[in-house]
Amino acid sequence: MPRCLTALLLAATLDSGLLAAAPEAPQGAEAIRGRGSYAVVVSRATYADPEWRQVVDALREKHDASVIIYPAAITEASAALRAIFPRYACFVARPTEAGRDFVVSVHRLTRKLDEDPYTDVIWGILTGYEAADALRIARLRDPLVVRRAAAGTGMNLDVFDEGRVFSEGERGVMFEKLPGGKPERKSCPPDSTQALVDTFNLFKPDLFLTSGHATFRDWQIGYSYPNGQFRCQGGQLVGIDLARKVHPINSSGPRVYLPAGNCLIGEIPDREAIALAFIHTGGVAQMFGYVVATWYGYGGWGVRDLFIGQPGRFTLAEAFYLNNQALIHRLETEFPRTARVDFGRFDLERNPRLLDEMAAQHGLRNRDEIGLLWDRDTVAFYGDPAWDARLAPRPLAWDQKLTEKDGVYTFLVSRRNETFEITASSDTGWSRPPMVLFPHRLKVSFRRETRKDIKILEGSEFSPLITDNFLLLPNPKKLEKGKTYRVAFRADTM
């Protein structure tokens, strides 16, 4: 390691009063220890760049974070990250580093910090068309309360104060909700490009949701009919209508972007990736997106279901994290023989026979088995994972509450009845099981033969999954109106 960089690290440690704790990492990673449960993970080359170093410093100051500097490959950060074992991890990366392989590696790295198969940190990748984009996001402190929304695909407008939905299935159709009103069907131009650009620039939604055809270069507005597209032009997000007229998008945000059903839109193969344009001039501070062609959909639509379907309960980062854990739980319980399989390739857009080849290679027999493995490592999350962006609270389908007293934790789930003065007309199922994040880590071992750290006192019939970081309740599949489901267990904190 160059002496000048070593000196900088030492000076930064002394200046801030942090404890220098560079765990012995055989791979060569170095760490500056902070007091918060947050780690910034960055390559040595990015950390040495003065502009990107500001991004690291901003996160470090905001979260009292530890900083892990790895030489070249993200896997080299493993030992240091395991030693710190934070609640949040932010991977600061220049666009040239943040490609598909990087996203897959982050998924796999963050599942291997302890012995269980679940992700051990709530993580995000912080990047941008230029370092100033990432710095703007790193400096965000005020939470985003999502009240105004727009979409290029179907969306429930009832959970927002106001919003606009442009139909991807019916040409010239949109739905609008005004403050205090109800959603109404309306007409819009058959080529809705300009209207969508105006929605960004003038309406300024807090949330944008899309589906339909896309690549890492563009989002194609119409799904079943010809329409325009959004593209990146030198970092600028633009709408290009059917007449090839270019409409620049410059909207300050901050906002969140949910491309729940779009192929490849989260991939960053170079600086002309559309994800970078959404961040650069589209005002996006957090987003997720597939870095592959999507066909199964669990990894994208499930985030939408948790974030929008349970308004106010989860931040976007929490919804992304918990949806991925629900996916892993399905693999572990339904397909234990192949749950730990790692695909070596994801270039389905170039090789239409790839899924057949992967199935033959790994002995996969079931569509769900293949689909869950395909989605598990291929959805990226961009932004500061600790930044709080969530919908304004609305009536929810069920109540849930976690309490703790004298080391006994109780998780209550009840079908919402009279709270918010609504009554369910029927029993309710869920697309994702009830889940809750613990306020701090618990001592949990997944070595069943020696497991003495968790004692379930009540609710074992619901087959609860209890990890160090969250609880998931897979049963019952339907919640009965007015009925309370209780899980009580004894555990120690880390």
Protein backbone atom coordinates (compact mmCIF):
# COMPACT_ATOMS: atom_id res chain seq x y z
CA MET A 1 0.00 0.00 0.00
CA PRO A 2 1.47 3.44 -0.90
CA ARG A 3 2.87 5.33 2.09
CA CYS A 4 0.88 8.47 1.26
CA LEU A 5 -2.43 6.56 1.47
CA THR A 6 -1.36 4.91 4.72
CA ALA A 7 -0.61 8.34 6.14
CA LEU A 8 -3.97 9.64 5.05
CA LEU A 9 -5.75 6.76 6.75
CA LEU A 10 -3.80 7.29 9.97
CA ALA A 11 -4.41 11.04 9.94
CA ALA A 12 -8.12 10.56 9.35
CA THR A 13 -8.28 8.13 12.24
CA LEU A 14 -6.50 10.48 14.63
CA ASP A 15 -8.41 13.57 13.52
CA SER A 16 -11.83 11.99 14.08
CA GLY A 17 -11.00 10.18 17.28
CA LEU A 18 -11.98 6.86 15.74
CA LEU A 19 -10.38 3.62 16.79
CA ALA A 20 -8.02 2.24 14.19
CA ALA A 21 -9.10 -1.35 13.86
CA ALA A 22 -7.66 -2.91 10.76
CA PRO A 23 -8.62 -6.54 11.22
CA GLU A 24 -6.07 -9.01 10.01
CA ALA A 25 -7.43 -9.60 6.51
CA PRO A 26 -5.37 -12.04 4.47
CA GLN A 27 -6.79 -10.62 1.26
CA GLY A 28 -5.27 -7.21 1.95
CA ALA A 29 -8.31 -5.10 2.85
CA GLU A 30 -7.82 -2.33 5.41
CA ALA A 31 -10.37 -0.82 7.75
CA ILE A 32 -10.89 2.38 9.72
CA ARG A 33 -13.26 1.61 12.55
CA GLY A 34 -16.24 3.85 13.34
CA ARG A 35 -18.69 3.71 16.22
CA GLY A 36 -21.86 3.32 14.16
CA SER A 37 -23.26 0.05 12.82
CA TYR A 38 -22.55 1.11 9.26
CA ALA A 39 -19.68 0.23 6.94
CA VAL A 40 -18.58 1.97 3.77
CA VAL A 41 -16.87 -0.50 1.44
CA VAL A 42 -14.75 0.96 -1.34
CA SER A 43 -11.95 -0.09 -3.67
CA ARG A 44 -8.49 1.36 -3.16
CA ALA A 45 -8.62 3.03 -6.58
CA THR A 46 -11.94 4.74 -5.87
CA TYR A 47 -10.82 5.81 -2.40
CA ALA A 48 -7.69 7.37 -3.90
CA ASP A 49 -9.79 9.51 -6.26
CA PRO A 50 -10.30 12.88 -4.45
CA GLU A 51 -13.86 13.37 -5.72
CA TRP A 52 -15.02 9.87 -4.75
CA ARG A 53 -13.14 10.15 -1.46
CA GLN A 54 -15.56 12.97 -0.58
CA VAL A 55 -18.45 10.52 -0.97
CA VAL A 56 -16.83 8.10 1.47
CA ASP A 57 -16.09 10.91 3.91
CA ALA A 58 -19.69 12.20 3.74
CA LEU A 59 -21.10 8.76 4.57
CA ARG A 60 -18.51 8.24 7.27
CA GLU A 61 -19.40 11.53 8.94
CA LYS A 62 -23.17 11.06 8.61
CA HIS A 63 -23.28 7.53 10.01
CA ASP A 64 -20.12 7.46 12.17
CA ALA A 65 -19.24 4.66 9.79
CA SER A 66 -16.36 2.27 9.47
CA VAL A 67 -14.50 2.33 6.15
CA ILE A 68 -13.22 -0.84 4.48
CA ILE A 69 -10.76 -0.35 1.61
CA TYR A 70 -10.14 -3.41 -0.54
CA PRO A 71 -7.33 -3.68 -3.13
CA ALA A 72 -9.20 -4.76 -6.26
CA ALA A 73 -11.92 -7.43 -5.92
CA ILE A 74 -14.98 -6.91 -3.72
CA THR A 75 -14.48 -10.36 -2.20
CA GLU A 76 -11.30 -9.03 -0.60
CA ALA A 77 -13.49 -7.02 1.80
CA SER A 78 -15.03 -10.17 3.27
CA ALA A 79 -12.84 -10.64 6.37
CA ALA A 80 -12.97 -6.98 7.40
CA LEU A 81 -16.72 -6.77 6.85
CA ARG A 82 -17.20 -9.95 8.89
CA ALA A 83 -15.12 -8.51 11.72
CA ILE A 84 -17.18 -5.30 11.84
CA PHE A 85 -20.52 -7.05 11.10
CA PRO A 86 -22.54 -3.84 10.67
CA ARG A 87 -26.28 -3.44 10.24
CA TYR A 88 -25.77 -1.44 7.03
CA ALA A 89 -23.15 -1.67 4.30
CA CYS A 90 -22.77 0.85 1.50
CA PHE A 91 -20.59 -0.13 -1.44
CA VAL A 92 -19.24 3.05 -3.01
CA ALA A 93 -18.35 2.35 -6.63
CA ARG A 94 -17.52 4.30 -9.75
CA PRO A 95 -19.64 3.38 -12.80
CA THR A 96 -16.75 1.37 -14.25
CA GLU A 97 -16.89 -0.90 -11.17
CA ALA A 98 -20.64 -1.26 -10.69
CA GLY A 99 -21.50 -3.78 -13.41
CA ARG A 100 -23.50 -6.99 -13.31
CA ASP A 101 -20.69 -9.08 -11.82
CA PHE A 102 -20.27 -6.53 -9.02
CA VAL A 103 -23.96 -6.72 -8.08
CA VAL A 104 -23.92 -10.53 -8.06
CA SER A 105 -20.75 -10.49 -5.94
CA VAL A 106 -22.26 -8.10 -3.39
CA HIS A 107 -25.29 -10.36 -2.99
CA ARG A 108 -23.12 -13.41 -2.42
CA LEU A 109 -20.59 -11.67 -0.19
CA THR A 110 -23.24 -10.29 2.16
CA ARG A 111 -24.80 -13.72 2.65
CA LYS A 112 -21.52 -15.24 3.83
CA LEU A 113 -20.64 -13.14 6.86
CA ASP A 114 -22.00 -15.82 9.20
CA GLU A 115 -23.18 -19.42 8.97
CA ASP A 116 -26.82 -18.93 7.96
CA PRO A 117 -27.88 -18.57 4.29
CA TYR A 118 -29.54 -15.17 4.78
CA THR A 119 -28.17 -11.73 3.97
CA ASP A 120 -26.33 -10.30 6.97
CA VAL A 121 -26.51 -6.56 6.24
CA ILE A 122 -28.95 -4.14 4.68
CA TRP A 123 -26.89 -2.96 1.73
CA GLY A 124 -26.81 -0.53 -1.15
CA ILE A 125 -24.44 0.46 -3.93
CA LEU A 126 -23.75 4.19 -4.13
CA THR A 127 -22.70 5.34 -7.57
CA GLY A 128 -23.54 8.02 -10.11
CA TYR A 129 -22.76 9.35 -13.55
CA GLU A 130 -20.21 11.48 -11.73
CA ALA A 131 -18.99 11.63 -8.16
CA ALA A 132 -21.16 14.69 -7.46
CA ASP A 133 -24.28 12.54 -7.92
CA ALA A 134 -23.15 10.09 -5.26
CA LEU A 135 -22.08 12.95 -2.99
CA ARG A 136 -25.52 14.56 -3.25
CA ILE A 137 -27.11 11.28 -2.16
CA ALA A 138 -24.55 10.68 0.59
CA ARG A 139 -25.38 14.07 2.11
CA LEU A 140 -29.14 13.46 2.28
CA ARG A 141 -30.35 13.54 5.87
CA ASP A 142 -34.04 14.43 5.84
CA PRO A 143 -36.35 11.44 5.34
CA LEU A 144 -38.51 11.22 2.24
CA VAL A 145 -42.21 10.76 2.96
CA VAL A 146 -43.74 9.54 -0.30
CA ARG A 147 -47.08 11.23 -0.97
CA ARG A 148 -46.99 11.97 -4.71
CA ALA A 149 -46.43 9.20 -7.25
CA ALA A 150 -46.30 8.52 -10.96
CA ALA A 151 -46.11 5.32 -12.95
CA GLY A 152 -45.82 3.89 -16.43
CA THR A 153 -47.59 0.71 -15.33
CA GLY A 154 -50.54 -0.19 -13.12
CA MET A 155 -50.37 1.15 -9.57
CA ASN A 156 -52.78 1.60 -6.66
CA LEU A 157 -53.20 5.38 -6.42
CA ASP A 158 -55.31 5.12 -3.27
CA VAL A 159 -52.18 4.92 -1.08
CA PHE A 160 -50.93 8.34 -2.29
CA ASP A 161 -52.20 11.86 -1.80
CA GLU A 162 -52.00 12.43 -5.55
CA GLY A 163 -50.63 10.65 -8.55
CA ARG A 164 -50.62 9.82 -12.25
CA VAL A 165 -50.55 6.42 -13.94
CA PHE A 166 -49.96 6.14 -17.69
CA SER A 167 -51.31 2.88 -19.04
CA GLU A 168 -48.81 0.59 -20.76
CA GLY A 169 -51.64 -1.59 -22.08
CA GLU A 170 -54.12 0.98 -23.46
CA ARG A 171 -52.94 3.69 -25.78
CA GLY A 172 -54.04 7.20 -24.81
CA VAL A 173 -55.23 6.20 -21.34
CA MET A 174 -54.08 7.46 -17.96
CA PHE A 175 -55.42 7.60 -14.40
CA GLU A 176 -55.11 10.60 -12.15
CA LYS A 177 -55.77 11.24 -8.50
CA LEU A 178 -55.94 14.80 -7.21
CA PRO A 179 -55.53 15.76 -3.53
CA GLY A 180 -58.66 14.80 -1.63
CA GLY A 181 -60.14 13.00 -4.63
CA LYS A 182 -60.36 9.49 -6.04
CA PRO A 183 -58.50 8.03 -9.03
CA GLU A 184 -60.19 8.87 -12.33
CA ARG A 185 -59.68 7.46 -15.81
CA LYS A 186 -58.64 10.15 -18.29
CA SER A 187 -57.30 10.56 -21.79
CA CYS A 188 -53.71 11.44 -22.60
CA PRO A 189 -51.82 11.82 -25.89
CA PRO A 190 -51.31 8.51 -27.75
CA ASP A 191 -47.59 9.28 -27.59
CA SER A 192 -47.29 10.01 -23.87
CA THR A 193 -43.56 10.84 -23.87
CA GLN A 194 -43.98 14.58 -23.40
CA ALA A 195 -46.62 14.04 -20.70
CA LEU A 196 -44.25 11.75 -18.77
CA VAL A 197 -41.38 14.21 -19.12
CA ASP A 198 -43.65 16.98 -17.82
CA THR A 199 -44.61 14.71 -14.93
CA PHE A 200 -40.94 14.51 -13.93
CA ASN A 201 -40.11 18.17 -14.53
CA LEU A 202 -43.29 19.84 -13.28
CA PHE A 203 -45.33 17.37 -11.20
CA LYS A 204 -42.13 16.11 -9.50
CA PRO A 205 -43.31 12.79 -8.06
CA ASP A 206 -41.71 11.35 -4.94
CA LEU A 207 -41.96 7.87 -6.49
CA PHE A 208 -41.84 6.53 -10.03
CA LEU A 209 -42.86 2.95 -10.91
CA THR A 210 -42.34 1.21 -14.27
CA SER A 211 -42.55 -2.15 -16.00
CA GLY A 212 -42.52 -3.21 -19.64
CA HIS A 213 -39.67 -3.44 -22.12
CA ALA A 214 -36.29 -1.99 -21.23
CA THR A 215 -32.55 -2.42 -21.58
CA PHE A 216 -29.66 -0.85 -19.73
CA ARG A 217 -29.88 1.94 -22.34
CA ASP A 218 -33.60 2.74 -22.34
CA TRP A 219 -37.10 2.32 -20.89
CA GLN A 220 -39.71 1.75 -23.62
CA ILE A 221 -42.88 3.53 -22.53
CA GLY A 222 -45.60 1.53 -24.26
CA TYR A 223 -45.78 -2.22 -23.72
CA SER A 224 -48.48 -3.35 -26.15
CA TYR A 225 -48.45 -0.36 -28.51
CA PRO A 226 -45.86 1.99 -30.07
CA ASN A 227 -44.74 4.83 -27.82
CA GLY A 228 -41.61 6.79 -27.01
CA GLN A 229 -38.76 5.97 -24.69
CA PHE A 230 -36.54 7.31 -21.94
CA ARG A 231 -32.81 7.22 -22.66
CA CYS A 232 -29.46 8.42 -21.39
CA GLN A 233 -27.58 10.97 -23.50
CA GLY A 234 -24.24 11.82 -21.92
CA GLY A 235 -25.69 11.42 -18.44
CA GLN A 236 -28.81 13.42 -19.30
CA LEU A 237 -32.13 11.61 -18.86
CA VAL A 238 -34.32 12.39 -21.87
CA GLY A 239 -37.63 11.39 -23.36
CA ILE A 240 -37.58 10.66 -27.09
CA ASP A 241 -41.01 10.66 -28.69
CA LEU A 242 -42.16 8.81 -31.81
CA ALA A 243 -41.21 11.80 -33.96
CA ARG A 244 -37.66 11.48 -32.52
CA LYS A 245 -37.97 14.80 -30.72
CA VAL A 246 -35.81 14.93 -27.59
CA HIS A 247 -37.32 16.18 -24.31
CA PRO A 248 -34.73 16.72 -21.53
CA ILE A 249 -35.60 15.70 -17.99
CA ASN A 250 -34.17 17.86 -15.22
CA SER A 251 -35.90 17.19 -11.93
CA SER A 252 -34.15 17.74 -8.63
CA GLY A 253 -35.88 15.21 -6.39
CA PRO A 254 -35.06 13.44 -4.19
CA ARG A 255 -37.26 10.58 -5.31
CA VAL A 256 -37.27 6.80 -5.43
CA TYR A 257 -37.55 4.73 -8.58
CA LEU A 258 -39.10 1.25 -8.71
CA PRO A 259 -38.59 -0.42 -12.12
CA ALA A 260 -40.28 -3.53 -10.76
CA GLY A 261 -40.74 -5.42 -14.01
CA ASN A 262 -38.08 -4.04 -16.35
CA CYS A 263 -35.33 -6.13 -17.90
CA LEU A 264 -31.71 -4.97 -17.48
CA ILE A 265 -32.56 -1.46 -16.30
CA GLY A 266 -30.38 -1.79 -13.19
CA GLU A 267 -27.29 -2.88 -15.11
CA ILE A 268 -24.42 -0.39 -15.39
CA PRO A 269 -22.04 -1.65 -18.08
CA ASP A 270 -20.69 1.87 -18.70
CA ARG A 271 -21.52 5.53 -18.09
CA GLU A 272 -24.30 5.56 -20.69
CA ALA A 273 -26.49 3.30 -18.54
CA ILE A 274 -29.98 4.69 -18.05
CA ALA A 275 -29.81 4.00 -14.30
CA LEU A 276 -27.06 6.62 -14.06
CA ALA A 277 -29.20 9.13 -15.98
CA PHE A 278 -32.11 8.60 -13.58
CA ILE A 279 -29.69 9.45 -10.77
CA HIS A 280 -27.90 12.30 -12.58
CA THR A 281 -30.77 14.48 -13.89
CA GLY A 282 -33.85 12.47 -12.89
CA GLY A 283 -33.52 13.25 -9.17
CA VAL A 284 -33.41 9.59 -8.11
CA ALA A 285 -31.74 9.02 -4.73
CA GLN A 286 -32.68 5.35 -4.31
CA MET A 287 -33.70 2.72 -6.83
CA PHE A 288 -33.51 -0.97 -7.45
CA GLY A 289 -33.45 -2.80 -10.77
CA TYR A 290 -32.69 -6.04 -12.52
CA VAL A 291 -29.22 -6.38 -14.01
CA VAL A 292 -30.48 -9.28 -16.18
CA ALA A 293 -33.45 -10.08 -18.39
CA THR A 294 -36.36 -10.63 -16.00
CA TRP A 295 -38.99 -13.31 -16.59
CA TYR A 296 -39.83 -14.67 -13.12
CA GLY A 297 -40.38 -11.39 -11.31
CA TYR A 298 -40.07 -12.28 -7.61
CA GLY A 299 -37.09 -10.00 -7.02
CA GLY A 300 -38.74 -6.90 -8.45
CA TRP A 301 -42.49 -7.09 -7.88
CA GLY A 302 -42.02 -8.28 -4.31
CA VAL A 303 -40.26 -5.04 -3.40
CA ARG A 304 -43.21 -3.15 -4.83
CA ASP A 305 -45.61 -5.30 -2.79
CA LEU A 306 -43.80 -4.63 0.48
CA PHE A 307 -43.10 -0.94 -0.11
CA ILE A 308 -46.37 0.18 -1.72
CA GLY A 309 -48.62 -2.66 -0.57
CA GLN A 310 -47.77 -2.05 3.11
CA PRO A 311 -47.52 1.75 3.05
CA GLY A 312 -45.32 3.28 5.73
CA ARG A 313 -44.21 -0.03 7.26
CA PHE A 314 -40.84 -0.34 5.50
CA THR A 315 -38.26 1.94 3.96
CA LEU A 316 -37.39 1.11 0.36
CA ALA A 317 -34.06 -0.37 1.47
CA GLU A 318 -35.83 -2.54 4.06
CA ALA A 319 -38.40 -3.69 1.51
CA PHE A 320 -35.60 -4.68 -0.88
CA TYR A 321 -33.73 -6.50 1.88
CA LEU A 322 -36.75 -8.36 3.29
CA ASN A 323 -38.06 -9.38 -0.12
CA ASN A 324 -34.71 -11.01 -0.84
CA GLN A 325 -34.83 -12.85 2.49
CA ALA A 326 -38.33 -14.12 1.73
CA LEU A 327 -36.98 -15.40 -1.59
CA ILE A 328 -34.09 -17.19 0.11
CA HIS A 329 -36.49 -18.69 2.65
CA ARG A 330 -38.55 -20.17 -0.17
CA LEU A 331 -35.45 -21.70 -1.69
CA GLU A 332 -34.31 -23.13 1.65
CA THR A 333 -37.69 -24.64 2.51
CA GLU A 334 -39.04 -25.69 -0.90
CA PHE A 335 -35.81 -26.60 -2.70
CA PRO A 336 -33.21 -27.43 -0.04
CA ARG A 337 -31.23 -29.65 -2.42
CA THR A 338 -30.37 -26.76 -4.73
CA ALA A 339 -30.94 -23.70 -2.51
CA ARG A 340 -27.21 -22.84 -2.39
CA VAL A 341 -26.58 -23.19 -6.14
CA ASP A 342 -24.81 -20.20 -7.70
CA PHE A 343 -25.34 -19.61 -11.41
CA GLY A 344 -22.12 -18.80 -13.24
CA ARG A 345 -23.72 -16.87 -16.10
CA PHE A 346 -26.68 -14.53 -16.54
CA ASP A 347 -26.45 -13.38 -20.18
CA LEU A 348 -29.91 -14.62 -21.16
CA GLU A 349 -30.31 -11.62 -23.48
CA ARG A 350 -27.48 -13.09 -25.61
CA ASN A 351 -28.09 -16.80 -25.10
CA PRO A 352 -31.78 -17.82 -25.21
CA ARG A 353 -30.85 -21.38 -24.17
CA LEU A 354 -29.08 -20.29 -21.00
CA LEU A 355 -31.84 -21.39 -18.60
CA ASP A 356 -31.92 -24.86 -20.13
CA GLU A 357 -28.14 -25.06 -19.79
CA MET A 358 -28.23 -23.96 -16.14
CA ALA A 359 -31.02 -26.43 -15.37
CA ALA A 360 -29.05 -29.29 -16.91
CA GLN A 361 -25.82 -28.28 -15.20
CA HIS A 362 -27.34 -28.09 -11.71
CA GLY A 363 -30.11 -30.67 -11.96
CA LEU A 364 -32.94 -28.16 -11.65
CA ARG A 365 -36.40 -29.56 -12.28
CA ASN A 366 -38.93 -26.88 -11.35
CA ARG A 367 -39.80 -23.47 -12.83
CA ASP A 368 -40.00 -21.87 -9.38
CA GLU A 369 -36.67 -23.41 -8.43
CA ILE A 370 -34.99 -21.90 -11.50
CA GLY A 371 -36.81 -18.58 -11.18
CA LEU A 372 -35.92 -18.03 -7.52
CA LEU A 373 -32.26 -18.83 -8.18
CA TRP A 374 -32.31 -16.49 -11.18
CA ASP A 375 -33.73 -13.57 -9.19
CA ARG A 376 -31.78 -14.09 -5.96
CA ASP A 377 -28.54 -12.35 -6.98
CA THR A 378 -29.59 -10.18 -9.91
CA VAL A 379 -31.48 -7.18 -8.53
CA ALA A 380 -29.33 -4.19 -7.59
CA PHE A 381 -30.12 -1.60 -4.95
CA TYR A 382 -28.61 1.86 -5.49
CA GLY A 383 -28.36 4.55 -2.83
CA ASP A 384 -27.56 4.96 0.85
CA PRO A 385 -29.30 1.96 2.49
CA ALA A 386 -29.83 3.83 5.77
CA TRP A 387 -31.63 6.77 4.16
CA ASP A 388 -35.29 6.68 5.20
CA ALA A 389 -37.67 6.78 2.23
CA ARG A 390 -41.13 5.35 2.86
CA LEU A 391 -44.78 5.98 2.03
CA ALA A 392 -46.90 8.08 4.33
CA PRO A 393 -48.78 5.73 6.69
CA ARG A 394 -52.12 4.43 5.39
CA PRO A 395 -54.57 1.73 6.50
CA LEU A 396 -52.82 -1.65 6.41
CA ALA A 397 -54.17 -5.13 5.81
CA TRP A 398 -52.85 -6.30 9.19
CA ASP A 399 -51.25 -4.97 12.35
CA GLN A 400 -47.91 -6.29 13.53
CA LYS A 401 -45.95 -5.42 16.64
CA LEU A 402 -42.66 -6.56 18.16
CA THR A 403 -42.09 -6.18 21.90
CA GLU A 404 -39.28 -7.22 24.24
CA LYS A 405 -39.21 -7.69 28.00
CA ASP A 406 -36.49 -9.41 30.02
CA GLY A 407 -35.05 -11.10 26.94
CA VAL A 408 -38.41 -12.44 25.74
CA TYR A 409 -39.46 -11.15 22.32
CA THR A 410 -43.09 -11.27 21.24
CA PHE A 411 -44.27 -10.78 17.66
CA LEU A 412 -48.00 -10.17 17.23
CA VAL A 413 -49.80 -10.26 13.89
CA SER A 414 -53.53 -9.58 13.75
CA ARG A 415 -55.98 -9.09 10.95
CA ARG A 416 -56.82 -5.40 10.98
CA ASN A 417 -60.39 -4.89 12.12
CA GLU A 418 -61.33 -1.63 13.83
CA THR A 419 -58.08 0.33 13.74
CA PHE A 420 -58.33 3.06 11.11
CA GLU A 421 -62.11 2.40 11.31
CA ILE A 422 -62.20 -0.12 8.48
CA THR A 423 -63.60 -3.64 8.46
CA ALA A 424 -62.32 -6.37 6.18
CA SER A 425 -64.93 -7.93 3.97
CA SER A 426 -63.02 -11.21 3.72
CA ASP A 427 -59.96 -13.01 5.02
CA THR A 428 -56.67 -11.88 3.54
CA GLY A 429 -53.66 -13.65 2.07
CA TRP A 430 -50.27 -12.13 1.39
CA SER A 431 -47.80 -12.04 -1.49
CA ARG A 432 -44.93 -11.82 0.99
CA PRO A 433 -45.13 -13.22 4.54
CA PRO A 434 -45.28 -10.95 7.60
CA MET A 435 -41.74 -9.90 8.48
CA VAL A 436 -40.13 -7.63 11.04
CA LEU A 437 -36.59 -6.28 11.45
CA PHE A 438 -35.15 -6.46 14.94
CA PRO A 439 -33.95 -3.16 16.46
CA HIS A 440 -30.57 -4.82 17.19
CA ARG A 441 -28.87 -8.10 16.40
CA LEU A 442 -29.72 -11.22 18.34
CA LYS A 443 -27.50 -14.18 19.11
CA VAL A 444 -28.72 -16.83 16.72
CA SER A 445 -26.93 -19.98 15.61
CA PHE A 446 -28.01 -22.06 12.63
CA ARG A 447 -26.10 -25.10 13.80
CA ARG A 448 -29.16 -27.06 14.80
CA GLU A 449 -27.27 -29.67 16.80
CA THR A 450 -25.93 -27.01 19.20
CA ARG A 451 -28.69 -24.42 18.98
CA LYS A 452 -29.39 -23.16 22.50
CA ASP A 453 -29.53 -19.42 21.88
CA ILE A 454 -33.19 -19.20 20.73
CA LYS A 455 -36.05 -20.76 22.64
CA ILE A 456 -39.50 -20.49 21.07
CA LEU A 457 -42.03 -20.15 23.88
CA GLU A 458 -45.17 -19.75 21.79
CA GLY A 459 -46.14 -19.99 18.12
CA SER A 460 -43.94 -22.83 16.92
CA GLU A 461 -46.91 -24.10 14.88
CA PHE A 462 -46.41 -21.09 12.55
CA SER A 463 -42.86 -22.29 11.67
CA PRO A 464 -41.26 -18.89 12.37
CA LEU A 465 -37.87 -18.14 10.85
CA ILE A 466 -35.77 -16.27 13.42
CA THR A 467 -32.38 -14.96 12.33
CA ASP A 468 -30.06 -12.50 14.05
CA ASN A 469 -31.61 -9.66 12.06
CA PHE A 470 -35.27 -10.41 11.33
CA LEU A 471 -38.28 -12.66 11.92
CA LEU A 472 -40.37 -14.11 9.12
CA LEU A 473 -43.74 -15.78 9.67
CA PRO A 474 -44.45 -18.19 6.78
CA ASN A 475 -47.65 -19.65 8.25
CA PRO A 476 -50.57 -19.30 8.12
CA LYS A 477 -50.88 -18.46 4.43
CA LYS A 478 -54.09 -16.52 5.11
CA LEU A 479 -54.82 -14.21 8.04
CA GLU A 480 -58.30 -14.46 9.48
CA LYS A 481 -60.22 -11.32 10.24
CA GLY A 482 -59.89 -10.33 13.88
CA LYS A 483 -57.55 -13.19 14.81
CA THR A 484 -54.18 -12.60 16.51
CA TYR A 485 -51.12 -14.71 15.77
CA ARG A 486 -48.44 -14.69 18.44
CA VAL A 487 -44.82 -15.83 18.40
CA ALA A 488 -42.83 -15.49 21.62
CA PHE A 489 -39.19 -16.48 21.98
CA ARG A 490 -36.25 -15.90 24.29
CA ALA A 491 -32.99 -14.57 22.86
CA ASP A 492 -29.90 -12.58 23.84
CA THR A 493 -28.57 -9.58 21.99
CA MET A 494 -25.18 -9.59 20.29
